[in-house]
Amino acid sequence: MNFALPILAMVALSACTENEAAKPEIRPVRTLIIDPQPIPDDRQAIGEIKPRFESGLGFRVAEKLVSRLVDVGVKVKKGDVLARLDKQDFDNRIRSAKASEASAQAVLEEAKAAERRSKTLLAKHVTSQSAYDAALRGLRTEKATLASARAAVELAQDQLAYTELRAEFDGIVTQVGGEPGQVMAVGQMVVKLAKPGAKDAVFNIAESAFRDRDPDDRPHIVVNLLSAPDIVAQGIVREISPVADPATRTYQVKVTLSEPPAQMRFGASILGRLKIDTAPVVVIPGSALFDKNGKPAVWLYDQAKSQVHLKPVVITRFEAERIIVSEGLKKGDVVVTAGVNRLREGQKVRLLPDAQKAGMRK
């Protein structure tokens, strides 16, 4: 029996296996050619609709609230009565002031008569000059007393008028702060009134959003209702708070809306988006990112050697499906976008048939 053929076959097979093991692995990869381009700055924030002009109205006198005639959402005209205080004490003050005025008027009439008599007697040399001067002084004192009494009457009447809280302008009630039976302090907010036509979109924005922006920059904002995304308004940043909120460490940003639709009511939740393009930036897909000792990096493809090399990068921000890179990549670099976790430094790779086409996309 001839055993030479099986042995030769085994030797040949062993040699082929050793050659394949010695041959380096060439992995197929997809790549992207870096070409920095401006992109829409689509950073978003959740906020709410607030009135641009809003005033908290309160009484100018302290007393018990007997009635509040409006509730939240009610539209009022300038001069409409919003609430009333108990006016009994103020009626009594008016009666007391008017009584004091009448008394001062009577005393003044007596002082006038005394002055006239003293003047007549002085002309006839029956009385002395000092007696006449005393009568004249009494007359002037009683005139001042009457003027003070009349001012007290006017003050009491004003205080009575202050027991009715009236609207300072046409508006809509956005908040109430008092209920009948409650004793209201001077200036305590009873009704908060807002002008319905002027609306702001208000957002609380993190400090990082202002890091690369000019403090005087006032970008345009697109605002839409969360409950109805098709209801949209345009606006421009009007005010950025110079001080962060002590609790959230965010900054309040107010956006003036241009002709907001009626559906954007006060208190409605909204979504705001920047309406600008950035400077040219490098954008890569999230699949291209590699972790090197806890720091971000990407695999660069060397076309001359068909090899890949790891390159550290600096990330500006992460988005849902892409990453914005600020440092580490330049125009013309070829970045591996798939299979990055199976690559090693200097490894030979080959591009998939659609790799170049994908790499040329912007």
Protein backbone atom coordinates (compact mmCIF):
# COMPACT_ATOMS: atom_id res chain seq x y z
CA MET A 1 0.00 0.00 0.00
CA ASN A 2 1.37 3.39 -0.98
CA PHE A 3 1.42 5.89 1.98
CA ALA A 4 3.35 8.61 0.12
CA LEU A 5 0.35 10.46 -1.35
CA PRO A 6 -1.50 11.14 1.98
CA ILE A 7 1.72 12.33 3.60
CA LEU A 8 2.49 14.69 0.72
CA ALA A 9 -1.06 16.06 0.87
CA MET A 10 -0.76 16.76 4.61
CA VAL A 11 2.58 18.54 4.12
CA ALA A 12 1.11 20.73 1.35
CA LEU A 13 -1.91 21.60 3.47
CA SER A 14 0.29 22.52 6.43
CA ALA A 15 2.39 24.82 4.26
CA CYS A 16 -0.70 26.62 2.97
CA THR A 17 -1.98 27.15 6.51
CA GLU A 18 1.34 28.62 7.66
CA ASN A 19 1.40 31.01 4.67
CA GLU A 20 -2.13 32.21 5.43
CA ALA A 21 -1.28 32.74 9.10
CA ALA A 22 1.81 34.71 8.16
CA LYS A 23 -0.14 36.89 5.70
CA PRO A 24 -1.31 40.14 7.48
CA GLU A 25 -5.08 40.71 7.76
CA ILE A 26 -6.43 43.44 5.49
CA ARG A 27 -9.73 44.72 6.84
CA PRO A 28 -12.32 46.46 4.68
CA VAL A 29 -13.30 49.92 5.94
CA ARG A 30 -15.54 52.83 5.04
CA THR A 31 -14.08 56.33 5.10
CA LEU A 32 -15.08 59.96 5.00
CA ILE A 33 -13.00 62.73 3.39
CA ILE A 34 -12.90 65.75 5.68
CA ASP A 35 -14.23 68.95 4.09
CA PRO A 36 -15.15 71.63 6.66
CA GLN A 37 -18.48 73.30 5.84
CA PRO A 38 -20.84 75.74 7.57
CA ILE A 39 -23.74 73.92 9.18
CA PRO A 40 -27.02 75.14 10.63
CA ASP A 41 -26.62 75.79 14.34
CA ASP A 42 -29.58 73.67 15.39
CA ARG A 43 -29.10 73.88 19.13
CA GLN A 44 -32.48 73.80 20.82
CA ALA A 45 -33.97 74.83 24.14
CA ILE A 46 -37.32 74.45 25.87
CA GLY A 47 -38.97 77.62 27.17
CA GLU A 48 -42.33 79.30 27.62
CA ILE A 49 -44.31 82.25 26.36
CA LYS A 50 -44.35 85.21 28.74
CA PRO A 51 -45.68 88.76 28.45
CA ARG A 52 -43.13 91.43 27.62
CA PHE A 53 -44.98 93.99 29.74
CA GLU A 54 -46.49 92.72 33.00
CA SER A 55 -47.41 94.65 36.14
CA GLY A 56 -48.36 93.43 39.59
CA LEU A 57 -51.18 95.71 40.79
CA GLY A 58 -51.91 96.29 44.48
CA PHE A 59 -53.82 98.67 46.73
CA ARG A 60 -52.26 101.88 48.01
CA VAL A 61 -53.98 101.44 51.38
CA ALA A 62 -54.21 98.47 53.75
CA GLU A 63 -57.60 96.91 54.52
CA LYS A 64 -59.64 93.73 54.19
CA LEU A 65 -60.41 92.56 50.65
CA VAL A 66 -64.18 92.27 50.18
CA SER A 67 -64.32 91.33 46.48
CA ARG A 68 -62.11 90.39 43.55
CA LEU A 69 -63.94 90.84 40.27
CA VAL A 70 -61.54 89.09 37.87
CA ASP A 71 -59.83 85.73 37.51
CA VAL A 72 -56.84 84.50 35.50
CA GLY A 73 -57.41 84.83 31.76
CA VAL A 74 -59.96 87.65 31.93
CA LYS A 75 -59.42 90.55 29.52
CA VAL A 76 -59.94 94.01 31.01
CA LYS A 77 -60.01 97.59 29.78
CA LYS A 78 -58.18 100.54 31.26
CA GLY A 79 -60.12 101.85 34.26
CA ASP A 80 -62.08 98.64 34.93
CA VAL A 81 -62.50 97.80 38.64
CA LEU A 82 -60.51 94.67 39.48
CA ALA A 83 -61.02 94.40 43.27
CA ARG A 84 -62.45 96.30 46.25
CA LEU A 85 -61.51 96.78 49.90
CA ASP A 86 -63.80 97.32 52.88
CA LYS A 87 -64.39 101.10 52.81
CA GLN A 88 -66.22 101.64 56.11
CA ASP A 89 -63.17 103.03 57.91
CA PHE A 90 -62.45 105.35 54.99
CA ASP A 91 -66.04 106.66 54.98
CA ASN A 92 -65.64 107.44 58.67
CA ARG A 93 -62.38 109.25 57.98
CA ILE A 94 -64.10 111.42 55.39
CA ARG A 95 -66.88 112.33 57.80
CA SER A 96 -64.35 113.17 60.50
CA ALA A 97 -62.29 115.25 58.08
CA LYS A 98 -65.35 117.14 56.86
CA ALA A 99 -66.41 117.85 60.45
CA SER A 100 -62.95 119.23 61.19
CA GLU A 101 -63.22 121.37 58.07
CA ALA A 102 -66.58 122.77 59.15
CA SER A 103 -65.24 123.55 62.62
CA ALA A 104 -62.19 125.28 61.14
CA GLN A 105 -64.47 127.27 58.84
CA ALA A 106 -66.56 128.48 61.81
CA VAL A 107 -63.51 129.44 63.83
CA LEU A 108 -62.15 131.30 60.82
CA GLU A 109 -65.35 133.34 60.52
CA GLU A 110 -64.99 134.35 64.18
CA ALA A 111 -61.36 135.27 63.60
CA LYS A 112 -62.35 137.39 60.61
CA ALA A 113 -64.96 139.26 62.69
CA ALA A 114 -62.48 139.79 65.52
CA GLU A 115 -59.92 141.16 63.09
CA ARG A 116 -62.44 143.56 61.59
CA ARG A 117 -63.52 144.84 65.00
CA SER A 118 -59.95 145.29 66.14
CA LYS A 119 -59.12 147.14 62.96
CA THR A 120 -62.04 149.52 63.43
CA LEU A 121 -61.10 150.17 67.04
CA LEU A 122 -57.49 150.75 66.06
CA ALA A 123 -58.59 153.37 63.54
CA LYS A 124 -60.49 155.18 66.32
CA HIS A 125 -57.48 154.84 68.64
CA VAL A 126 -59.58 152.82 71.06
CA THR A 127 -57.33 149.76 71.00
CA SER A 128 -53.62 149.26 70.78
CA GLN A 129 -51.58 148.11 67.82
CA SER A 130 -50.52 144.97 69.68
CA ALA A 131 -54.17 143.99 70.21
CA TYR A 132 -54.84 144.36 66.51
CA ASP A 133 -51.69 142.36 65.67
CA ALA A 134 -52.92 139.53 67.92
CA ALA A 135 -56.28 139.50 66.12
CA LEU A 136 -54.57 139.47 62.74
CA ARG A 137 -52.31 136.62 63.84
CA GLY A 138 -55.33 134.66 64.99
CA LEU A 139 -56.99 135.20 61.59
CA ARG A 140 -53.95 133.90 59.72
CA THR A 141 -53.70 130.89 62.04
CA GLU A 142 -57.34 129.95 61.44
CA LYS A 143 -56.88 130.28 57.67
CA ALA A 144 -53.99 127.80 57.87
CA THR A 145 -56.09 125.51 60.06
CA LEU A 146 -58.90 125.54 57.49
CA ALA A 147 -56.45 124.80 54.66
CA SER A 148 -55.11 121.83 56.63
CA ALA A 149 -58.65 120.59 57.27
CA ARG A 150 -59.49 120.81 53.57
CA ALA A 151 -56.31 118.88 52.69
CA ALA A 152 -57.34 116.22 55.20
CA VAL A 153 -60.69 115.92 53.44
CA GLU A 154 -58.99 115.51 50.06
CA LEU A 155 -56.62 112.90 51.50
CA ALA A 156 -59.53 110.95 52.99
CA GLN A 157 -61.36 111.08 49.65
CA ASP A 158 -58.25 109.84 47.84
CA GLN A 159 -57.88 106.99 50.31
CA LEU A 160 -61.52 106.08 49.76
CA ALA A 161 -60.87 105.98 46.00
CA TYR A 162 -57.87 103.73 46.64
CA THR A 163 -60.20 101.05 48.02
CA GLU A 164 -61.01 100.23 44.39
CA LEU A 165 -58.23 98.66 42.35
CA ARG A 166 -58.50 99.67 38.70
CA ALA A 167 -56.67 98.48 35.58
CA GLU A 168 -53.85 100.78 34.53
CA PHE A 169 -54.04 99.64 30.88
CA ASP A 170 -55.87 97.28 28.55
CA GLY A 171 -54.63 93.80 29.32
CA ILE A 172 -55.21 90.24 30.42
CA VAL A 173 -55.04 88.89 33.97
CA THR A 174 -52.17 86.42 34.29
CA GLN A 175 -52.13 85.90 38.07
CA VAL A 176 -54.17 86.71 41.19
CA GLY A 177 -52.79 87.11 44.70
CA GLY A 178 -55.70 87.82 47.01
CA GLU A 179 -59.01 86.30 48.04
CA PRO A 180 -62.05 87.96 49.69
CA GLY A 181 -61.62 88.16 53.46
CA GLN A 182 -57.85 88.47 53.26
CA VAL A 183 -56.26 91.54 54.83
CA MET A 184 -54.12 93.14 52.14
CA ALA A 185 -50.94 95.06 52.90
CA VAL A 186 -50.00 98.21 51.05
CA GLY A 187 -48.57 97.30 47.64
CA GLN A 188 -49.30 93.57 48.00
CA MET A 189 -50.00 92.04 44.59
CA VAL A 190 -53.70 91.38 44.07
CA VAL A 191 -53.82 91.08 40.27
CA LYS A 192 -51.01 90.69 37.74
CA LEU A 193 -51.90 92.33 34.46
CA ALA A 194 -50.11 91.84 31.12
CA LYS A 195 -50.39 93.50 27.75
CA PRO A 196 -51.66 90.73 25.44
CA GLY A 197 -50.07 91.92 22.20
CA ALA A 198 -46.43 91.90 23.28
CA LYS A 199 -45.06 88.39 23.86
CA ASP A 200 -41.60 87.07 24.66
CA ALA A 201 -40.18 83.58 24.37
CA VAL A 202 -38.16 83.00 27.54
CA PHE A 203 -35.47 80.31 27.88
CA ASN A 204 -32.97 79.28 30.56
CA ILE A 205 -29.69 78.60 28.77
CA ALA A 206 -26.51 76.97 30.08
CA GLU A 207 -23.32 79.02 30.21
CA SER A 208 -21.63 76.83 27.58
CA ALA A 209 -23.99 78.16 24.92
CA PHE A 210 -22.39 81.62 25.19
CA ARG A 211 -18.77 80.47 25.29
CA ASP A 212 -17.92 81.22 21.65
CA ARG A 213 -20.36 84.08 21.09
CA ASP A 214 -19.98 87.83 21.08
CA PRO A 215 -21.85 89.33 24.08
CA ASP A 216 -23.54 91.77 21.68
CA ASP A 217 -24.67 89.02 19.31
CA ARG A 218 -28.47 88.94 18.91
CA PRO A 219 -29.26 85.91 16.74
CA HIS A 220 -32.62 85.14 15.17
CA ILE A 221 -34.64 82.35 16.75
CA VAL A 222 -37.34 80.06 15.35
CA VAL A 223 -39.99 79.22 17.95
CA ASN A 224 -42.75 76.62 17.71
CA LEU A 225 -45.26 75.18 20.15
CA LEU A 226 -44.35 71.83 21.67
CA SER A 227 -47.95 70.72 21.44
CA ALA A 228 -48.32 71.90 17.83
CA PRO A 229 -44.96 72.06 15.97
CA ASP A 230 -46.61 73.54 12.87
CA ILE A 231 -47.41 76.76 14.80
CA VAL A 232 -44.24 78.79 14.32
CA ALA A 233 -43.06 82.32 15.10
CA GLN A 234 -39.86 84.22 14.38
CA GLY A 235 -37.97 86.21 16.99
CA ILE A 236 -34.72 87.91 17.88
CA VAL A 237 -32.80 87.78 21.16
CA ARG A 238 -33.63 90.97 23.07
CA GLU A 239 -32.10 90.41 26.49
CA ILE A 240 -29.59 88.04 28.09
CA SER A 241 -29.46 88.09 31.86
CA PRO A 242 -26.01 89.16 33.11
CA VAL A 243 -26.42 87.06 36.27
CA ALA A 244 -26.94 83.29 36.47
CA ASP A 245 -29.82 81.81 38.41
CA PRO A 246 -28.38 80.80 41.81
CA ALA A 247 -30.20 77.44 41.79
CA THR A 248 -29.89 76.23 38.18
CA ARG A 249 -26.76 78.22 37.16
CA THR A 250 -28.45 79.06 33.87
CA TYR A 251 -28.98 82.42 32.20
CA GLN A 252 -32.41 83.74 31.25
CA VAL A 253 -32.72 84.69 27.59
CA LYS A 254 -35.69 86.73 26.33
CA VAL A 255 -36.63 86.56 22.66
CA THR A 256 -38.94 89.21 21.20
CA LEU A 257 -41.47 87.50 18.93
CA SER A 258 -42.63 89.15 15.71
CA GLU A 259 -46.39 88.82 15.20
CA PRO A 260 -46.80 85.62 17.26
CA PRO A 261 -49.93 83.58 16.43
CA ALA A 262 -52.84 83.71 18.85
CA GLN A 263 -52.26 80.04 19.75
CA MET A 264 -49.04 81.03 21.53
CA ARG A 265 -50.74 81.88 24.79
CA PHE A 266 -48.99 82.99 27.94
CA GLY A 267 -47.43 80.03 29.73
CA ALA A 268 -47.37 77.79 26.65
CA SER A 269 -44.36 75.45 26.33
CA ILE A 270 -42.22 76.13 23.28
CA LEU A 271 -39.13 74.90 21.46
CA GLY A 272 -36.57 77.47 20.29
CA ARG A 273 -33.92 76.90 17.63
CA LEU A 274 -31.10 79.13 16.39
CA LYS A 275 -31.59 80.38 12.84
CA ILE A 276 -27.93 80.84 11.82
CA ASP A 277 -25.08 78.97 10.16
CA THR A 278 -21.83 78.31 11.95
CA ALA A 279 -18.34 78.99 10.65
CA PRO A 280 -16.87 76.07 8.65
CA VAL A 281 -16.61 73.10 11.00
CA VAL A 282 -15.55 69.46 10.84
CA VAL A 283 -18.45 67.02 11.22
CA ILE A 284 -17.96 63.27 11.60
CA PRO A 285 -20.44 60.50 12.36
CA GLY A 286 -20.52 59.06 15.87
CA SER A 287 -19.31 55.71 14.53
CA ALA A 288 -15.93 57.25 13.66
CA LEU A 289 -15.02 58.07 17.27
CA PHE A 290 -12.48 55.88 19.08
CA ASP A 291 -11.54 55.97 22.76
CA LYS A 292 -7.81 56.18 23.48
CA ASN A 293 -7.02 56.11 27.18
CA GLY A 294 -10.23 57.97 27.94
CA LYS A 295 -9.63 60.63 25.28
CA PRO A 296 -11.37 60.93 21.89
CA ALA A 297 -9.50 59.96 18.71
CA VAL A 298 -10.16 58.84 15.12
CA TRP A 299 -8.44 56.50 12.66
CA LEU A 300 -6.85 58.32 9.70
CA TYR A 301 -6.35 56.44 6.44
CA ASP A 302 -2.94 56.82 4.75
CA GLN A 303 -3.66 56.44 1.03
CA ALA A 304 0.01 55.92 0.09
CA LYS A 305 0.52 53.01 2.50
CA SER A 306 -3.08 51.79 2.74
CA GLN A 307 -2.64 51.92 6.54
CA VAL A 308 -4.47 53.56 9.40
CA HIS A 309 -3.07 55.70 12.21
CA LEU A 310 -4.76 56.96 15.36
CA LYS A 311 -5.20 60.73 15.66
CA PRO A 312 -6.40 62.49 18.86
CA VAL A 313 -9.17 65.10 18.35
CA VAL A 314 -10.95 67.76 20.39
CA ILE A 315 -14.76 67.63 20.45
CA THR A 316 -16.85 70.80 20.49
CA ARG A 317 -20.14 69.05 21.12
CA PHE A 318 -21.99 65.79 20.66
CA GLU A 319 -25.27 65.69 18.75
CA ALA A 320 -27.77 62.92 18.09
CA GLU A 321 -26.10 61.41 15.01
CA ARG A 322 -22.92 63.43 14.55
CA ILE A 323 -19.97 64.97 16.34
CA ILE A 324 -18.56 68.46 15.87
CA VAL A 325 -14.73 68.44 15.96
CA SER A 326 -12.83 71.64 16.77
CA GLU A 327 -9.19 70.42 16.60
CA GLY A 328 -7.21 67.51 15.17
CA LEU A 329 -8.61 67.23 11.63
CA LYS A 330 -8.09 69.29 8.49
CA LYS A 331 -9.43 69.39 4.98
CA GLY A 332 -8.45 66.33 2.94
CA ASP A 333 -7.95 63.96 5.89
CA VAL A 334 -9.56 60.55 5.34
CA VAL A 335 -11.32 59.25 8.45
CA VAL A 336 -12.45 55.66 8.99
CA THR A 337 -16.16 55.67 9.85
CA ALA A 338 -16.93 51.96 10.43
CA GLY A 339 -15.21 49.14 12.30
CA VAL A 340 -12.93 51.42 14.29
CA ASN A 341 -12.86 49.17 17.37
CA ARG A 342 -11.18 46.33 15.43
CA LEU A 343 -8.31 48.32 14.04
CA ARG A 344 -4.75 48.62 15.32
CA GLU A 345 -1.93 51.10 14.71
CA GLY A 346 -0.37 50.68 11.23
CA GLN A 347 -2.88 48.05 10.12
CA LYS A 348 -3.40 47.50 6.41
CA VAL A 349 -6.93 48.22 5.22
CA ARG A 350 -8.81 48.36 1.98
CA LEU A 351 -11.69 50.63 1.07
CA LEU A 352 -15.08 49.14 0.41
CA PRO A 353 -16.47 49.78 -3.07
CA ASP A 354 -18.73 52.57 -1.81
CA ALA A 355 -16.13 54.02 0.61
CA GLN A 356 -14.82 56.73 -1.69
CA LYS A 357 -18.33 57.73 -2.70
CA ALA A 358 -19.40 57.97 0.93
CA GLY A 359 -16.24 59.87 1.78
CA MET A 360 -16.98 62.54 -0.80
CA ARG A 361 -20.37 63.36 0.64
CA LYS A 362 -20.56 66.66 2.53
